[in-house]
Amino acid sequence: MANEKKMAEGLWESIFNFADTANKLHEKGYSVELIAELMQSNLEQTKQRIKLAQAFPPEKRIKNVPITIYQAAVDFPDPQKMIKEAWEKKWTVSDIQYQLAKWKGERNQIKLRKTPIEEALGVDDEGMTTAKKLYAFLELRPGDYSRWVKKNIEKNIYAEAGNDYIIFRMDAENPLSGRPTRDYRLTARFAKKLAMASQSAKGEEARNYFISIEEAVFAKAKDIPVSFNGMSLEEQANEILKVLEQGDSLPSAYKQSLAKNAAKLKRVK
């Protein structure tokens, strides 16, 4: 239990550190696309992390509230109000997602029609699917879902919670069980890897779909200008180094990525 708490606290710190650093770069005029490249993250996740930092400044954060609750609440018109309500009512991520879906439904009754594969994969507005939806789409053995999740997600040394996937509880699907059912929201990049691992025709179909998402993001990122807000490459590199100097608690992986890219900018003439 103590180890799980320590891991949860570490994840909480890591995600907010990423969010704060990305937001600092964004405030200095860097595009979200460039920030994602500098921090070796995908575009949608970087957007969400910046929103997270903006919605919950350090003085408004409650460490006892799980990071998944913050991530679920960030899309509301008043995220801080939602966090307070979730804390008081002891809501789970699923509860908040239900409230968000209800709010979106009330705001906009008419939604764009999705393609058949998007319907089958349950792809949301952020281009993310879930482990259960992907597993069903791949037509893998129903009884092996828990084993598949453990091997490919929970015990996958190349997958990171909060980066490649987000855990959420599905109590409503299993009301008679003593333990809540778990599901996972998967980024397009991670879902593509899982689809490829299945080595099947359905896996290839899912892989091609997620590749199309990545290509669309890449095509947009290629239009990034060389300089921002009139800053030279040397000035951009110096601004990144300033962020590094202020980020004492920033995870080493992010520091290394930013430092490497700052050095790259300084070498460009």
C-alpha atoms as a PDB file:
ATOM      1  CA  MET A   1       0.000   0.000   0.000  1.00  0.00           C
ATOM      2  CA  ALA A   2       2.824   2.392   0.940  1.00  0.00           C
ATOM      3  CA  ASN A   3       4.617   1.592  -2.317  1.00  0.00           C
ATOM      4  CA  GLU A   4       1.454   2.253  -4.362  1.00  0.00           C
ATOM      5  CA  LYS A   5       0.993   5.590  -2.600  1.00  0.00           C
ATOM      6  CA  LYS A   6       4.601   6.526  -3.338  1.00  0.00           C
ATOM      7  CA  MET A   7       4.164   5.614  -7.015  1.00  0.00           C
ATOM      8  CA  ALA A   8       0.934   7.638  -7.222  1.00  0.00           C
ATOM      9  CA  GLU A   9       2.653  10.667  -5.663  1.00  0.00           C
ATOM     10  CA  GLY A  10       5.555  10.292  -8.095  1.00  0.00           C
ATOM     11  CA  LEU A  11       3.180  10.204 -11.056  1.00  0.00           C
ATOM     12  CA  TRP A  12       1.321  13.260  -9.684  1.00  0.00           C
ATOM     13  CA  GLU A  13       4.582  15.217  -9.455  1.00  0.00           C
ATOM     14  CA  SER A  14       5.836  14.027 -12.855  1.00  0.00           C
ATOM     15  CA  ILE A  15       2.695  15.029 -14.747  1.00  0.00           C
ATOM     16  CA  PHE A  16       2.405  18.447 -13.109  1.00  0.00           C
ATOM     17  CA  ASN A  17       6.131  19.076 -13.675  1.00  0.00           C
ATOM     18  CA  PHE A  18       5.656  18.285 -17.352  1.00  0.00           C
ATOM     19  CA  ALA A  19       2.555  20.506 -17.435  1.00  0.00           C
ATOM     20  CA  ASP A  20       4.285  23.458 -15.766  1.00  0.00           C
ATOM     21  CA  THR A  21       7.323  23.260 -18.036  1.00  0.00           C
ATOM     22  CA  ALA A  22       5.224  22.976 -21.199  1.00  0.00           C
ATOM     23  CA  ASN A  23       3.089  25.916 -20.062  1.00  0.00           C
ATOM     24  CA  LYS A  24       6.168  28.077 -19.400  1.00  0.00           C
ATOM     25  CA  LEU A  25       7.368  27.445 -22.954  1.00  0.00           C
ATOM     26  CA  HIS A  26       3.871  28.149 -24.273  1.00  0.00           C
ATOM     27  CA  GLU A  27       3.754  31.472 -22.415  1.00  0.00           C
ATOM     28  CA  LYS A  28       7.053  32.426 -24.072  1.00  0.00           C
ATOM     29  CA  GLY A  29       5.441  32.055 -27.500  1.00  0.00           C
ATOM     30  CA  TYR A  30       6.354  28.522 -28.517  1.00  0.00           C
ATOM     31  CA  SER A  31       3.740  26.579 -30.454  1.00  0.00           C
ATOM     32  CA  VAL A  32       2.229  23.451 -28.937  1.00  0.00           C
ATOM     33  CA  GLU A  33       3.712  21.452 -31.829  1.00  0.00           C
ATOM     34  CA  LEU A  34       7.248  22.582 -31.049  1.00  0.00           C
ATOM     35  CA  ILE A  35       6.802  22.029 -27.314  1.00  0.00           C
ATOM     36  CA  ALA A  36       5.640  18.466 -28.021  1.00  0.00           C
ATOM     37  CA  GLU A  37       8.740  17.892 -30.133  1.00  0.00           C
ATOM     38  CA  LEU A  38      11.089  19.407 -27.542  1.00  0.00           C
ATOM     39  CA  MET A  39       9.604  17.330 -24.729  1.00  0.00           C
ATOM     40  CA  GLN A  40       9.284  14.185 -26.858  1.00  0.00           C
ATOM     41  CA  SER A  41       5.552  13.949 -26.327  1.00  0.00           C
ATOM     42  CA  ASN A  42       2.548  13.614 -28.615  1.00  0.00           C
ATOM     43  CA  LEU A  43       0.554  16.674 -29.628  1.00  0.00           C
ATOM     44  CA  GLU A  44      -2.740  15.911 -27.865  1.00  0.00           C
ATOM     45  CA  GLN A  45      -1.058  15.031 -24.596  1.00  0.00           C
ATOM     46  CA  THR A  46       0.959  18.261 -24.695  1.00  0.00           C
ATOM     47  CA  LYS A  47      -2.211  20.293 -25.268  1.00  0.00           C
ATOM     48  CA  GLN A  48      -3.871  18.596 -22.294  1.00  0.00           C
ATOM     49  CA  ARG A  49      -0.850  19.142 -20.035  1.00  0.00           C
ATOM     50  CA  ILE A  50      -0.767  22.852 -20.870  1.00  0.00           C
ATOM     51  CA  LYS A  51      -4.492  23.078 -20.090  1.00  0.00           C
ATOM     52  CA  LEU A  52      -3.792  21.230 -16.831  1.00  0.00           C
ATOM     53  CA  ALA A  53      -1.168  23.753 -15.732  1.00  0.00           C
ATOM     54  CA  GLN A  54      -3.388  26.695 -16.704  1.00  0.00           C
ATOM     55  CA  ALA A  55      -6.493  25.296 -14.989  1.00  0.00           C
ATOM     56  CA  PHE A  56      -4.686  24.317 -11.795  1.00  0.00           C
ATOM     57  CA  PRO A  57      -1.836  26.680 -10.822  1.00  0.00           C
ATOM     58  CA  PRO A  58       0.398  25.339  -7.993  1.00  0.00           C
ATOM     59  CA  GLU A  59      -1.482  27.188  -5.234  1.00  0.00           C
ATOM     60  CA  LYS A  60      -4.775  25.579  -6.347  1.00  0.00           C
ATOM     61  CA  ARG A  61      -3.563  21.975  -6.251  1.00  0.00           C
ATOM     62  CA  ILE A  62      -4.521  19.461  -3.573  1.00  0.00           C
ATOM     63  CA  LYS A  63      -2.019  16.625  -3.422  1.00  0.00           C
ATOM     64  CA  ASN A  64      -4.525  14.161  -1.963  1.00  0.00           C
ATOM     65  CA  VAL A  65      -6.605  14.416  -5.137  1.00  0.00           C
ATOM     66  CA  PRO A  66      -5.378  11.763  -7.640  1.00  0.00           C
ATOM     67  CA  ILE A  67      -3.827  13.066 -10.835  1.00  0.00           C
ATOM     68  CA  THR A  68      -6.421  11.162 -12.906  1.00  0.00           C
ATOM     69  CA  ILE A  69      -9.165  13.268 -11.292  1.00  0.00           C
ATOM     70  CA  TYR A  70      -7.365  16.469 -12.302  1.00  0.00           C
ATOM     71  CA  GLN A  71      -6.942  15.171 -15.860  1.00  0.00           C
ATOM     72  CA  ALA A  72     -10.626  14.286 -16.091  1.00  0.00           C
ATOM     73  CA  ALA A  73     -11.760  17.648 -14.698  1.00  0.00           C
ATOM     74  CA  VAL A  74      -9.623  19.859 -16.934  1.00  0.00           C
ATOM     75  CA  ASP A  75     -12.121  19.911 -19.828  1.00  0.00           C
ATOM     76  CA  PHE A  76     -14.924  21.470 -17.780  1.00  0.00           C
ATOM     77  CA  PRO A  77     -15.744  25.199 -18.045  1.00  0.00           C
ATOM     78  CA  ASP A  78     -14.722  25.574 -14.373  1.00  0.00           C
ATOM     79  CA  PRO A  79     -12.161  22.805 -13.609  1.00  0.00           C
ATOM     80  CA  GLN A  80     -11.475  24.007 -10.054  1.00  0.00           C
ATOM     81  CA  LYS A  81     -15.165  23.912  -9.194  1.00  0.00           C
ATOM     82  CA  MET A  82     -15.365  20.372 -10.589  1.00  0.00           C
ATOM     83  CA  ILE A  83     -12.356  19.257  -8.530  1.00  0.00           C
ATOM     84  CA  LYS A  84     -13.967  20.629  -5.373  1.00  0.00           C
ATOM     85  CA  GLU A  85     -17.258  18.871  -6.157  1.00  0.00           C
ATOM     86  CA  ALA A  86     -15.463  15.615  -7.012  1.00  0.00           C
ATOM     87  CA  TRP A  87     -13.517  15.787  -3.739  1.00  0.00           C
ATOM     88  CA  GLU A  88     -16.620  16.446  -1.646  1.00  0.00           C
ATOM     89  CA  LYS A  89     -18.682  13.730  -3.353  1.00  0.00           C
ATOM     90  CA  LYS A  90     -15.794  11.238  -3.577  1.00  0.00           C
ATOM     91  CA  TRP A  91     -16.270  10.880  -7.316  1.00  0.00           C
ATOM     92  CA  THR A  92     -14.160   8.515  -9.408  1.00  0.00           C
ATOM     93  CA  VAL A  93     -12.768   9.351 -12.844  1.00  0.00           C
ATOM     94  CA  SER A  94     -15.734   7.512 -14.352  1.00  0.00           C
ATOM     95  CA  ASP A  95     -18.125   9.765 -12.428  1.00  0.00           C
ATOM     96  CA  ILE A  96     -16.413  12.889 -13.768  1.00  0.00           C
ATOM     97  CA  GLN A  97     -16.357  11.531 -17.300  1.00  0.00           C
ATOM     98  CA  TYR A  98     -20.085  10.859 -17.016  1.00  0.00           C
ATOM     99  CA  GLN A  99     -20.662  14.442 -15.868  1.00  0.00           C
ATOM    100  CA  LEU A 100     -18.505  15.733 -18.734  1.00  0.00           C
ATOM    101  CA  ALA A 101     -20.409  13.640 -21.274  1.00  0.00           C
ATOM    102  CA  LYS A 102     -23.676  14.902 -19.822  1.00  0.00           C
ATOM    103  CA  TRP A 103     -22.500  18.515 -20.013  1.00  0.00           C
ATOM    104  CA  LYS A 104     -21.287  18.117 -23.588  1.00  0.00           C
ATOM    105  CA  GLY A 105     -24.554  16.460 -24.532  1.00  0.00           C
ATOM    106  CA  GLU A 106     -26.559  19.319 -23.082  1.00  0.00           C
ATOM    107  CA  ARG A 107     -24.362  21.855 -24.840  1.00  0.00           C
ATOM    108  CA  ASN A 108     -24.367  20.141 -28.196  1.00  0.00           C
ATOM    109  CA  GLN A 109     -26.998  17.536 -28.984  1.00  0.00           C
ATOM    110  CA  ILE A 110     -25.766  17.012 -32.544  1.00  0.00           C
ATOM    111  CA  LYS A 111     -22.407  15.304 -32.949  1.00  0.00           C
ATOM    112  CA  LEU A 112     -20.405  14.647 -36.072  1.00  0.00           C
ATOM    113  CA  ARG A 113     -20.918  11.173 -37.463  1.00  0.00           C
ATOM    114  CA  LYS A 114     -17.909   8.926 -36.899  1.00  0.00           C
ATOM    115  CA  THR A 115     -16.487   6.441 -39.377  1.00  0.00           C
ATOM    116  CA  PRO A 116     -17.213   2.725 -38.757  1.00  0.00           C
ATOM    117  CA  ILE A 117     -13.719   2.073 -37.420  1.00  0.00           C
ATOM    118  CA  GLU A 118     -13.945   5.070 -35.080  1.00  0.00           C
ATOM    119  CA  GLU A 119     -17.263   3.740 -33.803  1.00  0.00           C
ATOM    120  CA  ALA A 120     -15.823   0.258 -33.324  1.00  0.00           C
ATOM    121  CA  LEU A 121     -12.761   1.566 -31.500  1.00  0.00           C
ATOM    122  CA  GLY A 122     -14.782   4.075 -29.473  1.00  0.00           C
ATOM    123  CA  VAL A 123     -12.402   6.864 -30.508  1.00  0.00           C
ATOM    124  CA  ASP A 124     -13.061  10.047 -28.514  1.00  0.00           C
ATOM    125  CA  ASP A 125     -12.598  13.712 -29.428  1.00  0.00           C
ATOM    126  CA  GLU A 126      -8.886  13.475 -28.537  1.00  0.00           C
ATOM    127  CA  GLY A 127      -8.277  10.531 -30.888  1.00  0.00           C
ATOM    128  CA  MET A 128      -7.963   8.087 -27.993  1.00  0.00           C
ATOM    129  CA  THR A 129      -9.475   4.608 -27.709  1.00  0.00           C
ATOM    130  CA  THR A 130      -9.724   2.304 -24.678  1.00  0.00           C
ATOM    131  CA  ALA A 131      -8.111  -1.044 -23.935  1.00  0.00           C
ATOM    132  CA  LYS A 132     -11.483  -2.814 -23.858  1.00  0.00           C
ATOM    133  CA  LYS A 133     -12.569  -1.339 -27.198  1.00  0.00           C
ATOM    134  CA  LEU A 134      -9.240  -2.132 -28.854  1.00  0.00           C
ATOM    135  CA  TYR A 135      -9.210  -5.663 -27.440  1.00  0.00           C
ATOM    136  CA  ALA A 136     -12.718  -6.308 -28.787  1.00  0.00           C
ATOM    137  CA  PHE A 137     -11.831  -4.785 -32.177  1.00  0.00           C
ATOM    138  CA  LEU A 138      -8.777  -7.064 -32.471  1.00  0.00           C
ATOM    139  CA  GLU A 139     -11.118 -10.022 -31.855  1.00  0.00           C
ATOM    140  CA  LEU A 140      -8.860 -11.521 -29.212  1.00  0.00           C
ATOM    141  CA  ARG A 141     -10.112 -14.207 -26.817  1.00  0.00           C
ATOM    142  CA  PRO A 142     -12.613 -12.612 -24.364  1.00  0.00           C
ATOM    143  CA  GLY A 143     -11.365 -14.616 -21.405  1.00  0.00           C
ATOM    144  CA  ASP A 144      -7.773 -13.436 -21.857  1.00  0.00           C
ATOM    145  CA  TYR A 145      -8.423  -9.690 -21.476  1.00  0.00           C
ATOM    146  CA  SER A 146      -6.957  -9.405 -17.946  1.00  0.00           C
ATOM    147  CA  ARG A 147      -3.862 -11.366 -18.945  1.00  0.00           C
ATOM    148  CA  TRP A 148      -3.442  -9.244 -22.091  1.00  0.00           C
ATOM    149  CA  VAL A 149      -3.758  -6.006 -20.082  1.00  0.00           C
ATOM    150  CA  LYS A 150      -1.238  -7.158 -17.505  1.00  0.00           C
ATOM    151  CA  LYS A 151       1.332  -8.175 -20.126  1.00  0.00           C
ATOM    152  CA  ASN A 152       0.879  -5.394 -22.680  1.00  0.00           C
ATOM    153  CA  ILE A 153      -0.045  -2.414 -20.490  1.00  0.00           C
ATOM    154  CA  GLU A 154       0.587  -2.827 -16.755  1.00  0.00           C
ATOM    155  CA  LYS A 155       3.861  -4.790 -17.052  1.00  0.00           C
ATOM    156  CA  ASN A 156       5.021  -3.200 -20.295  1.00  0.00           C
ATOM    157  CA  ILE A 157       8.364  -1.554 -19.479  1.00  0.00           C
ATOM    158  CA  TYR A 158       8.024   0.647 -22.568  1.00  0.00           C
ATOM    159  CA  ALA A 159       4.611   2.033 -21.551  1.00  0.00           C
ATOM    160  CA  GLU A 160       4.138   4.864 -19.056  1.00  0.00           C
ATOM    161  CA  ALA A 161       0.970   5.580 -17.099  1.00  0.00           C
ATOM    162  CA  GLY A 162      -0.188   9.138 -17.709  1.00  0.00           C
ATOM    163  CA  ASN A 163       1.821   9.283 -20.919  1.00  0.00           C
ATOM    164  CA  ASP A 164       0.788   6.286 -23.041  1.00  0.00           C
ATOM    165  CA  TYR A 165      -2.345   5.386 -21.127  1.00  0.00           C
ATOM    166  CA  ILE A 166      -4.651   6.601 -18.337  1.00  0.00           C
ATOM    167  CA  ILE A 167      -6.324   4.200 -15.905  1.00  0.00           C
ATOM    168  CA  PHE A 168      -9.971   4.641 -15.027  1.00  0.00           C
ATOM    169  CA  ARG A 169     -12.500   2.516 -13.142  1.00  0.00           C
ATOM    170  CA  MET A 170     -15.568   0.997 -14.746  1.00  0.00           C
ATOM    171  CA  ASP A 171     -17.678   0.182 -11.666  1.00  0.00           C
ATOM    172  CA  ALA A 172     -20.933   0.438 -13.597  1.00  0.00           C
ATOM    173  CA  GLU A 173     -19.943  -2.432 -15.880  1.00  0.00           C
ATOM    174  CA  ASN A 174     -19.417  -4.810 -12.992  1.00  0.00           C
ATOM    175  CA  PRO A 175     -21.813  -3.783 -10.185  1.00  0.00           C
ATOM    176  CA  LEU A 176     -21.899  -7.216  -8.493  1.00  0.00           C
ATOM    177  CA  SER A 177     -18.153  -7.705  -8.297  1.00  0.00           C
ATOM    178  CA  GLY A 178     -16.207  -6.965  -5.152  1.00  0.00           C
ATOM    179  CA  ARG A 179     -13.484  -5.274  -7.187  1.00  0.00           C
ATOM    180  CA  PRO A 180     -14.019  -2.481  -9.716  1.00  0.00           C
ATOM    181  CA  THR A 181     -13.310  -3.285 -13.361  1.00  0.00           C
ATOM    182  CA  ARG A 182     -10.393  -1.379 -14.868  1.00  0.00           C
ATOM    183  CA  ASP A 183     -10.080   0.089 -18.308  1.00  0.00           C
ATOM    184  CA  TYR A 184      -7.425   2.258 -19.918  1.00  0.00           C
ATOM    185  CA  ARG A 185      -7.566   5.241 -22.265  1.00  0.00           C
ATOM    186  CA  LEU A 186      -4.856   4.739 -24.889  1.00  0.00           C
ATOM    187  CA  THR A 187      -3.043   7.341 -26.954  1.00  0.00           C
ATOM    188  CA  ALA A 188      -3.042   6.797 -30.715  1.00  0.00           C
ATOM    189  CA  ARG A 189       0.682   6.057 -30.652  1.00  0.00           C
ATOM    190  CA  PHE A 190       0.385   3.413 -27.930  1.00  0.00           C
ATOM    191  CA  ALA A 191      -2.788   1.879 -29.422  1.00  0.00           C
ATOM    192  CA  LYS A 192      -0.923   1.523 -32.731  1.00  0.00           C
ATOM    193  CA  LYS A 193       1.843  -0.441 -30.995  1.00  0.00           C
ATOM    194  CA  LEU A 194      -0.665  -2.747 -29.315  1.00  0.00           C
ATOM    195  CA  ALA A 195      -2.464  -3.305 -32.608  1.00  0.00           C
ATOM    196  CA  MET A 196       0.813  -4.183 -34.355  1.00  0.00           C
ATOM    197  CA  ALA A 197       1.655  -6.690 -31.611  1.00  0.00           C
ATOM    198  CA  SER A 198      -1.492  -8.687 -32.393  1.00  0.00           C
ATOM    199  CA  GLN A 199      -0.067  -9.621 -35.835  1.00  0.00           C
ATOM    200  CA  SER A 200      -3.515 -10.035 -37.330  1.00  0.00           C
ATOM    201  CA  ALA A 201      -5.619  -8.550 -40.128  1.00  0.00           C
ATOM    202  CA  LYS A 202      -7.676  -6.595 -37.580  1.00  0.00           C
ATOM    203  CA  GLY A 203      -4.459  -5.396 -35.984  1.00  0.00           C
ATOM    204  CA  GLU A 204      -3.228  -4.130 -39.357  1.00  0.00           C
ATOM    205  CA  GLU A 205      -6.533  -2.328 -39.894  1.00  0.00           C
ATOM    206  CA  ALA A 206      -6.280  -0.599 -36.504  1.00  0.00           C
ATOM    207  CA  ARG A 207      -2.591   0.157 -37.087  1.00  0.00           C
ATOM    208  CA  ASN A 208      -3.325   1.889 -40.398  1.00  0.00           C
ATOM    209  CA  TYR A 209      -6.034   3.987 -38.755  1.00  0.00           C
ATOM    210  CA  PHE A 210      -3.742   5.200 -35.962  1.00  0.00           C
ATOM    211  CA  ILE A 211      -0.941   5.861 -38.466  1.00  0.00           C
ATOM    212  CA  SER A 212      -3.343   8.150 -40.340  1.00  0.00           C
ATOM    213  CA  ILE A 213      -3.869  10.111 -37.116  1.00  0.00           C
ATOM    214  CA  GLU A 214      -0.111  10.450 -36.575  1.00  0.00           C
ATOM    215  CA  GLU A 215       0.439  11.515 -40.202  1.00  0.00           C
ATOM    216  CA  ALA A 216      -2.193  14.239 -39.858  1.00  0.00           C
ATOM    217  CA  VAL A 217      -0.429  15.550 -36.752  1.00  0.00           C
ATOM    218  CA  PHE A 218       2.976  15.359 -38.462  1.00  0.00           C
ATOM    219  CA  ALA A 219       1.700  17.215 -41.527  1.00  0.00           C
ATOM    220  CA  LYS A 220       0.504  20.027 -39.298  1.00  0.00           C
ATOM    221  CA  ALA A 221       3.779  20.076 -37.333  1.00  0.00           C
ATOM    222  CA  LYS A 222       5.836  20.441 -40.547  1.00  0.00           C
ATOM    223  CA  ASP A 223       4.427  23.936 -40.999  1.00  0.00           C
ATOM    224  CA  ILE A 224       6.085  25.177 -37.775  1.00  0.00           C
ATOM    225  CA  PRO A 225       8.120  28.314 -38.519  1.00  0.00           C
ATOM    226  CA  VAL A 226      11.824  28.369 -37.654  1.00  0.00           C
ATOM    227  CA  SER A 227      11.580  31.331 -35.294  1.00  0.00           C
ATOM    228  CA  PHE A 228       8.837  32.493 -32.914  1.00  0.00           C
ATOM    229  CA  ASN A 229       7.879  35.993 -31.810  1.00  0.00           C
ATOM    230  CA  GLY A 230      10.931  37.416 -33.551  1.00  0.00           C
ATOM    231  CA  MET A 231      13.382  35.325 -31.501  1.00  0.00           C
ATOM    232  CA  SER A 232      16.512  33.969 -33.141  1.00  0.00           C
ATOM    233  CA  LEU A 233      17.425  30.290 -32.700  1.00  0.00           C
ATOM    234  CA  GLU A 234      20.076  31.350 -30.164  1.00  0.00           C
ATOM    235  CA  GLU A 235      17.451  33.259 -28.163  1.00  0.00           C
ATOM    236  CA  GLN A 236      15.059  30.311 -28.310  1.00  0.00           C
ATOM    237  CA  ALA A 237      17.773  28.025 -26.922  1.00  0.00           C
ATOM    238  CA  ASN A 238      18.504  30.491 -24.097  1.00  0.00           C
ATOM    239  CA  GLU A 239      14.809  30.678 -23.181  1.00  0.00           C
ATOM    240  CA  ILE A 240      14.649  26.872 -22.950  1.00  0.00           C
ATOM    241  CA  LEU A 241      17.729  26.850 -20.708  1.00  0.00           C
ATOM    242  CA  LYS A 242      16.068  29.430 -18.443  1.00  0.00           C
ATOM    243  CA  VAL A 243      13.098  27.085 -18.032  1.00  0.00           C
ATOM    244  CA  LEU A 244      15.507  24.284 -17.150  1.00  0.00           C
ATOM    245  CA  GLU A 245      17.180  26.423 -14.475  1.00  0.00           C
ATOM    246  CA  GLN A 246      13.806  27.023 -12.811  1.00  0.00           C
ATOM    247  CA  GLY A 247      12.668  23.382 -13.007  1.00  0.00           C
ATOM    248  CA  ASP A 248      14.521  21.784 -10.085  1.00  0.00           C
ATOM    249  CA  SER A 249      11.857  19.104  -9.658  1.00  0.00           C
ATOM    250  CA  LEU A 250      11.545  18.409 -13.379  1.00  0.00           C
ATOM    251  CA  PRO A 251      12.056  14.677 -14.183  1.00  0.00           C
ATOM    252  CA  SER A 252      15.524  13.968 -15.584  1.00  0.00           C
ATOM    253  CA  ALA A 253      14.112  12.623 -18.858  1.00  0.00           C
ATOM    254  CA  TYR A 254      12.472  15.984 -19.611  1.00  0.00           C
ATOM    255  CA  LYS A 255      15.602  17.905 -18.584  1.00  0.00           C
ATOM    256  CA  GLN A 256      17.735  15.802 -20.907  1.00  0.00           C
ATOM    257  CA  SER A 257      15.291  16.254 -23.794  1.00  0.00           C
ATOM    258  CA  LEU A 258      15.094  20.030 -23.369  1.00  0.00           C
ATOM    259  CA  ALA A 259      18.848  20.408 -22.903  1.00  0.00           C
ATOM    260  CA  LYS A 260      19.510  18.314 -26.011  1.00  0.00           C
ATOM    261  CA  ASN A 261      17.170  20.420 -28.127  1.00  0.00           C
ATOM    262  CA  ALA A 262      18.571  23.673 -26.747  1.00  0.00           C
ATOM    263  CA  ALA A 263      22.038  22.528 -27.767  1.00  0.00           C
ATOM    264  CA  LYS A 264      20.707  21.611 -31.211  1.00  0.00           C
ATOM    265  CA  LEU A 265      19.243  25.097 -31.664  1.00  0.00           C
ATOM    266  CA  LYS A 266      22.555  26.687 -30.684  1.00  0.00           C
ATOM    267  CA  ARG A 267      24.389  24.642 -33.341  1.00  0.00           C
ATOM    268  CA  VAL A 268      22.088  25.750 -36.152  1.00  0.00           C
ATOM    269  CA  LYS A 269      23.480  28.743 -38.042  1.00  0.00           C
END
